[in-house]
Protein backbone atom coordinates (compact mmCIF):
# COMPACT_ATOMS: atom_id res chain seq x y z
CA UNK A 1 -8.99 -2.62 17.18
CA UNK A 2 -7.30 -1.34 13.98
CA UNK A 3 -4.96 -3.90 12.80
CA UNK A 4 -2.31 -1.50 12.10
CA UNK A 5 -2.72 0.81 15.31
CA UNK A 6 0.60 2.11 16.60
CA UNK A 7 2.84 0.95 13.50
CA UNK A 8 2.87 4.59 11.63
CA UNK A 9 6.21 5.43 12.71
CA UNK A 10 7.46 2.12 11.35
CA UNK A 11 5.56 2.76 8.38
CA UNK A 12 6.94 6.15 7.35
CA UNK A 13 10.58 5.25 8.13
CA UNK A 14 11.06 1.57 6.58
CA UNK A 15 8.29 1.14 4.10
CA UNK A 16 10.07 1.37 0.54
CA UNK A 17 7.24 2.87 -1.27
CA UNK A 18 6.38 2.61 -4.86
CA UNK A 19 9.39 2.67 -7.89
CA UNK A 20 9.32 5.65 -10.24
CA UNK A 21 7.99 3.18 -13.23
CA UNK A 22 5.01 2.55 -11.48
CA UNK A 23 4.39 6.24 -10.53
CA UNK A 24 4.83 7.13 -14.37
CA UNK A 25 2.32 4.06 -15.28
CA UNK A 26 -0.53 5.49 -13.11
CA UNK A 27 0.32 8.82 -14.66
CA UNK A 28 -0.29 7.45 -17.95
CA UNK A 29 -3.50 5.41 -17.23
CA UNK A 30 -5.36 8.28 -15.55
CA UNK A 31 -6.87 10.94 -17.73
CA UNK A 32 -5.67 14.23 -17.87
CA UNK A 33 -7.42 17.43 -16.42
CA UNK A 34 -6.89 20.77 -14.25
CA UNK A 35 -7.35 20.44 -11.47
CA UNK A 36 -6.22 16.70 -11.67
CA UNK A 37 -7.46 14.84 -8.87
CA UNK A 38 -6.04 11.82 -6.77
CA UNK A 39 -7.47 9.94 -4.03
CA UNK A 40 -5.41 7.51 -2.12
CA UNK A 41 -7.32 4.96 0.01
CA UNK A 42 -5.21 3.31 3.05
CA UNK A 43 -2.63 6.17 2.34
CA UNK A 44 -0.46 4.96 5.43
CA UNK A 45 2.53 7.52 5.52
CA UNK A 46 1.47 8.92 2.20
CA UNK A 47 4.26 7.13 0.26
CA UNK A 48 1.90 6.77 -2.83
CA UNK A 49 0.88 10.34 -2.93
CA UNK A 50 4.56 11.61 -2.48
CA UNK A 51 5.64 9.50 -5.83
CA UNK A 52 2.63 11.07 -7.74
CA UNK A 53 2.90 14.61 -6.66
CA UNK A 54 4.58 15.51 -9.93
CA UNK A 55 1.40 14.30 -11.79
CA UNK A 56 -1.20 15.58 -9.92
CA UNK A 57 -2.27 18.51 -8.02
CA UNK A 58 -5.81 18.21 -6.04
CA UNK A 59 -4.93 15.30 -3.52
CA UNK A 60 -7.21 13.64 -0.98
CA UNK A 61 -5.86 10.90 1.42
CA UNK A 62 -8.01 8.50 3.36
CA UNK A 63 -7.05 6.21 6.36
CA UNK A 64 -8.77 4.11 9.00
CA UNK A 65 -5.75 4.47 11.53
CA UNK A 66 -5.31 8.60 13.00
CA UNK A 67 -1.76 7.94 13.39
CA UNK A 68 -1.14 7.02 9.76
CA UNK A 69 -2.73 10.48 8.65
CA UNK A 70 -0.42 12.22 11.03
CA UNK A 71 2.59 10.65 9.27
CA UNK A 72 1.10 11.36 6.02
CA UNK A 73 0.47 14.99 6.40
CA UNK A 74 4.04 15.34 8.13
CA UNK A 75 5.60 13.98 5.07
CA UNK A 76 3.69 15.50 2.52
CA UNK A 77 3.05 19.13 3.68
CA UNK A 78 6.69 19.96 3.54
CA UNK A 79 6.82 19.07 -0.02
CA UNK A 80 3.67 20.79 -1.42
CA UNK A 81 4.08 24.01 -3.78
CA UNK A 82 1.29 26.65 -3.94
CA UNK A 83 -0.19 24.44 -7.04
CA UNK A 84 -1.12 21.43 -4.78
CA UNK A 85 -4.11 21.08 -2.26
CA UNK A 86 -4.27 18.49 0.21
CA UNK A 87 -7.06 17.12 1.98
CA UNK A 88 -6.87 14.28 4.60
CA UNK A 89 -9.86 12.34 6.06
CA UNK A 90 -9.97 9.70 8.92
CA UNK A 91 -12.48 7.36 7.58
CA UNK A 92 -13.39 3.69 6.53
CA UNK A 93 -12.77 3.33 2.50
CA UNK A 94 -16.25 1.79 2.28
CA UNK A 95 -18.13 4.65 3.98
CA UNK A 96 -15.84 7.60 2.62
CA UNK A 97 -17.59 10.08 0.39
CA UNK A 98 -15.68 13.20 -0.98
CA UNK A 99 -17.06 16.64 -0.99
CA UNK A 100 -20.01 17.07 -3.38
CA UNK A 101 -18.53 17.56 -6.87
CA UNK A 102 -15.09 16.46 -5.88
CA UNK A 103 -14.51 13.50 -8.29
CA UNK A 104 -11.02 11.74 -8.29
CA UNK A 105 -9.34 11.03 -12.06
CA UNK A 106 -7.16 8.25 -10.07
CA UNK A 107 -7.98 6.03 -6.97
CA UNK A 108 -5.13 4.32 -5.84
CA UNK A 109 -5.08 1.21 -3.48
CA UNK A 110 -2.08 -0.84 -2.30
CA UNK A 111 -2.37 -3.67 0.03
CA UNK A 112 -5.16 -2.04 1.86
CA UNK A 113 -7.64 -3.71 -0.71
CA UNK A 114 -7.11 -6.83 1.06
CA UNK A 115 -8.71 -5.51 4.19
CA UNK A 116 -11.64 -3.93 2.35
CA UNK A 117 -15.07 -4.98 1.79
CA UNK A 118 -14.04 -5.11 -1.74
CA UNK A 119 -17.29 -5.18 -3.54
CA UNK A 120 -19.07 -2.41 -1.04
CA UNK A 121 -15.89 -0.45 -1.62
CA UNK A 122 -16.07 -0.59 -5.46
CA UNK A 123 -19.82 0.12 -5.36
CA UNK A 124 -19.09 3.26 -3.30
CA UNK A 125 -16.29 4.22 -5.91
CA UNK A 126 -18.77 4.11 -8.43
CA UNK A 127 -20.86 6.91 -6.91
CA UNK A 128 -18.19 9.65 -7.37
CA UNK A 129 -15.10 8.84 -9.49
CA UNK A 130 -14.70 10.79 -12.63
CA UNK A 131 -16.38 9.43 -15.86
CA UNK A 132 -13.40 8.47 -17.23
CA UNK A 133 -11.28 8.01 -13.72
CA UNK A 134 -9.22 4.85 -13.26
CA UNK A 135 -8.98 2.69 -9.94
CA UNK A 136 -5.69 1.15 -9.48
CA UNK A 137 -5.14 -1.73 -7.12
CA UNK A 138 -1.44 -2.92 -6.71
CA UNK A 139 1.34 -4.54 -4.40
CA UNK A 140 4.35 -6.28 -4.41
CA UNK A 141 5.20 -9.60 -2.69
CA UNK A 142 5.46 -9.12 1.22
CA UNK A 143 8.08 -10.38 3.12
CA UNK A 144 5.80 -12.97 4.47
CA UNK A 145 5.02 -14.38 0.58
CA UNK A 146 8.57 -13.35 -1.07
CA UNK A 147 10.82 -16.55 -2.09
CA UNK A 148 14.33 -15.19 -1.68
CA UNK A 149 16.59 -17.26 0.53
CA UNK A 150 17.14 -14.41 3.05
CA UNK A 151 13.46 -13.28 3.25
CA UNK A 152 12.48 -16.83 3.69
CA UNK A 153 14.93 -17.12 6.81
CA UNK A 154 13.25 -13.90 8.12
CA UNK A 155 10.04 -15.42 7.80
CA UNK A 156 11.05 -18.44 9.74
CA UNK A 157 12.26 -16.47 12.65
CA UNK A 158 8.93 -14.90 12.90
CA UNK A 159 7.22 -17.93 12.88
CA UNK A 160 9.35 -19.28 15.36
CA UNK A 161 8.52 -16.60 17.60
CA UNK A 162 4.90 -16.39 16.81
CA UNK A 163 3.86 -19.71 15.32
CA UNK A 164 3.43 -20.85 11.90
CA UNK A 165 0.25 -19.09 11.00
CA UNK A 166 0.40 -15.66 9.82
CA UNK A 167 -0.73 -13.12 12.28
CA UNK A 168 -2.94 -9.88 11.64
CA UNK A 169 -2.20 -8.15 14.75
CA UNK A 170 -3.78 -10.01 17.52
CA UNK A 171 -5.85 -12.22 15.06
CA UNK A 172 -4.92 -14.52 12.31
CA UNK A 173 -4.72 -13.27 8.86
CA UNK A 174 -7.69 -13.72 7.02
CA UNK A 175 -7.65 -15.92 3.97
CA UNK A 176 -7.77 -14.13 0.70
CA UNK A 177 -10.66 -14.27 -1.50
CA UNK A 178 -11.39 -14.20 -5.19
CA UNK A 179 -8.64 -12.85 -7.25
CA UNK A 180 -8.42 -9.13 -7.46
CA UNK A 181 -8.85 -9.08 -11.29
CA UNK A 182 -12.03 -10.88 -10.77
CA UNK A 183 -13.50 -8.86 -8.03
CA UNK A 184 -12.68 -5.74 -10.47
CA UNK A 185 -14.37 -7.34 -13.58
CA UNK A 186 -17.32 -7.85 -11.52
CA UNK A 187 -17.84 -4.23 -10.53
CA UNK A 188 -18.71 -0.63 -12.45
CA UNK A 189 -14.87 -1.06 -13.12
CA UNK A 190 -14.90 -3.88 -15.49
CA UNK A 191 -12.29 -2.75 -17.90
CA UNK A 192 -9.10 -4.45 -16.32
CA UNK A 193 -5.52 -3.84 -17.45
CA UNK A 194 -2.85 -5.76 -15.60
CA UNK A 195 0.83 -4.80 -15.63
CA UNK A 196 3.92 -6.23 -13.87
CA UNK A 197 6.54 -3.36 -12.57
CA UNK A 198 9.77 -5.07 -11.46
CA UNK A 199 11.53 -3.43 -8.35
CA UNK A 200 15.17 -3.92 -7.15
CA UNK A 201 15.74 -2.91 -3.35
CA UNK A 202 18.85 -2.83 -1.18
CA UNK A 203 18.42 -3.39 2.61
CA UNK A 204 20.29 -3.28 5.75
CA UNK A 205 19.32 -5.56 8.42
CA UNK A 206 18.25 -2.86 10.73
CA UNK A 207 15.87 -1.87 7.89
CA UNK A 208 14.61 -5.10 7.56
CA UNK A 209 13.55 -5.30 11.30
CA UNK A 210 11.87 -1.99 10.86
CA UNK A 211 10.17 -3.10 7.99
CA UNK A 212 8.83 -6.15 10.17
CA UNK A 213 7.76 -4.08 12.74
CA UNK A 214 5.62 -2.11 10.22
CA UNK A 215 3.58 -5.18 9.19
CA UNK A 216 0.53 -6.69 10.81
CA UNK A 217 2.34 -10.04 11.08
CA UNK A 218 5.42 -8.91 13.19
CA UNK A 219 3.93 -5.90 14.90
CA UNK A 220 6.37 -4.91 17.83
CA UNK A 221 4.00 -5.61 20.73
CA UNK A 222 3.43 -9.40 19.29
CA UNK A 223 6.99 -10.23 20.83
CA UNK A 224 6.20 -8.88 24.32
CA UNK A 225 9.36 -9.42 26.51
CA UNK A 226 11.12 -11.56 23.76
CA UNK A 227 11.71 -8.63 21.29
CA UNK A 228 15.08 -8.14 22.20
CA UNK A 229 15.76 -12.18 21.40
CA UNK A 230 13.65 -11.46 18.23
CA UNK A 231 16.04 -9.03 17.00
CA UNK A 232 19.31 -10.87 17.87
CA UNK A 233 17.68 -13.86 15.83
CA UNK A 234 17.02 -11.90 12.88
CA UNK A 235 20.20 -10.07 12.87
CA UNK A 236 22.14 -13.64 13.18
CA UNK A 237 20.02 -15.39 10.92
CA UNK A 238 20.44 -12.27 7.84
CA UNK A 239 24.03 -11.68 8.38
CA UNK A 240 25.32 -14.51 6.46
CA UNK A 241 23.13 -13.35 3.18
CA UNK A 242 24.32 -9.71 3.43
CA UNK A 243 27.17 -8.56 1.31
CA UNK A 244 28.80 -5.59 3.42
CA UNK A 245 25.89 -5.49 5.45
CA UNK A 246 23.74 -5.18 2.56
CA UNK A 247 20.86 -7.54 1.20
CA UNK A 248 19.29 -7.41 -2.03
CA UNK A 249 15.71 -8.12 -3.04
CA UNK A 250 13.98 -8.63 -6.65
CA UNK A 251 10.26 -7.87 -6.44
CA UNK A 252 7.50 -7.08 -8.93
CA UNK A 253 4.36 -5.20 -8.40
CA UNK A 254 1.54 -6.76 -10.11
CA UNK A 255 -0.71 -3.26 -10.97
CA UNK A 256 -4.23 -3.68 -11.88
CA UNK A 257 -5.80 -0.52 -13.65
CA UNK A 258 -9.50 -0.61 -14.06
CA UNK A 259 -12.12 1.77 -15.35
CA UNK A 260 -15.90 1.75 -16.54
CA UNK A 261 -16.14 0.05 -20.11
CA UNK A 262 -18.09 2.89 -21.29
CA UNK A 263 -15.03 5.12 -21.70
CA UNK A 264 -13.94 2.49 -24.26
CA UNK A 265 -16.73 2.31 -26.56
CA UNK A 266 -15.67 2.55 -30.31
CA UNK A 267 -12.01 2.25 -29.22
């Protein structure tokens, strides 16, 4: 069973996407060409692609969950002009191969990177990424790992209802492997640069609930007939932290951009 099955509508409505500064960083990292090709792995509802539309015109999105692709197409198609081309593929990232001759200049991977067989995925990418292409792996802290008082309080409510161990749908969350930078340096894309991009957000309590329901550790079905009790408990614990109904969050994306070292010879 896909860990994120049934969560696509919550993803589209309540995931905040990436900040403008991160989109600009990815634009600057990737080589320019025409058409300029973007491959988004684990696209979810297409939030990363949407942020990068000003910079790329040939777009390919991949996800293992069909519902996510439906949401991505619904978000992206209405925003495209005649200069853009969009292709969607239901596939595992480790198995995906683009059409012959289609070589991305930028490959983006958000939190999906955790769930992949990372060495196998990177080996597969080395078969088709453009010679000077860039692989970008990035994520901010999720509510589970964030450290602000209101986020800790919300996490404690989740743990009260579902237990202290982090869930991944109906299973336990797998222990993270080696640091992503180490994994990338061991791949064909061994020239790695790390950048931190801060982000400031505002949340309503209802949006926090929606965000929680978009995660594998607090998916709606996990609460069964206690879902109403859970929602009331979250609202009660967060209300004291809200200023006129609004919660503030200071977070940061860690962005790893990786490329083949041969593209830097002589620099």
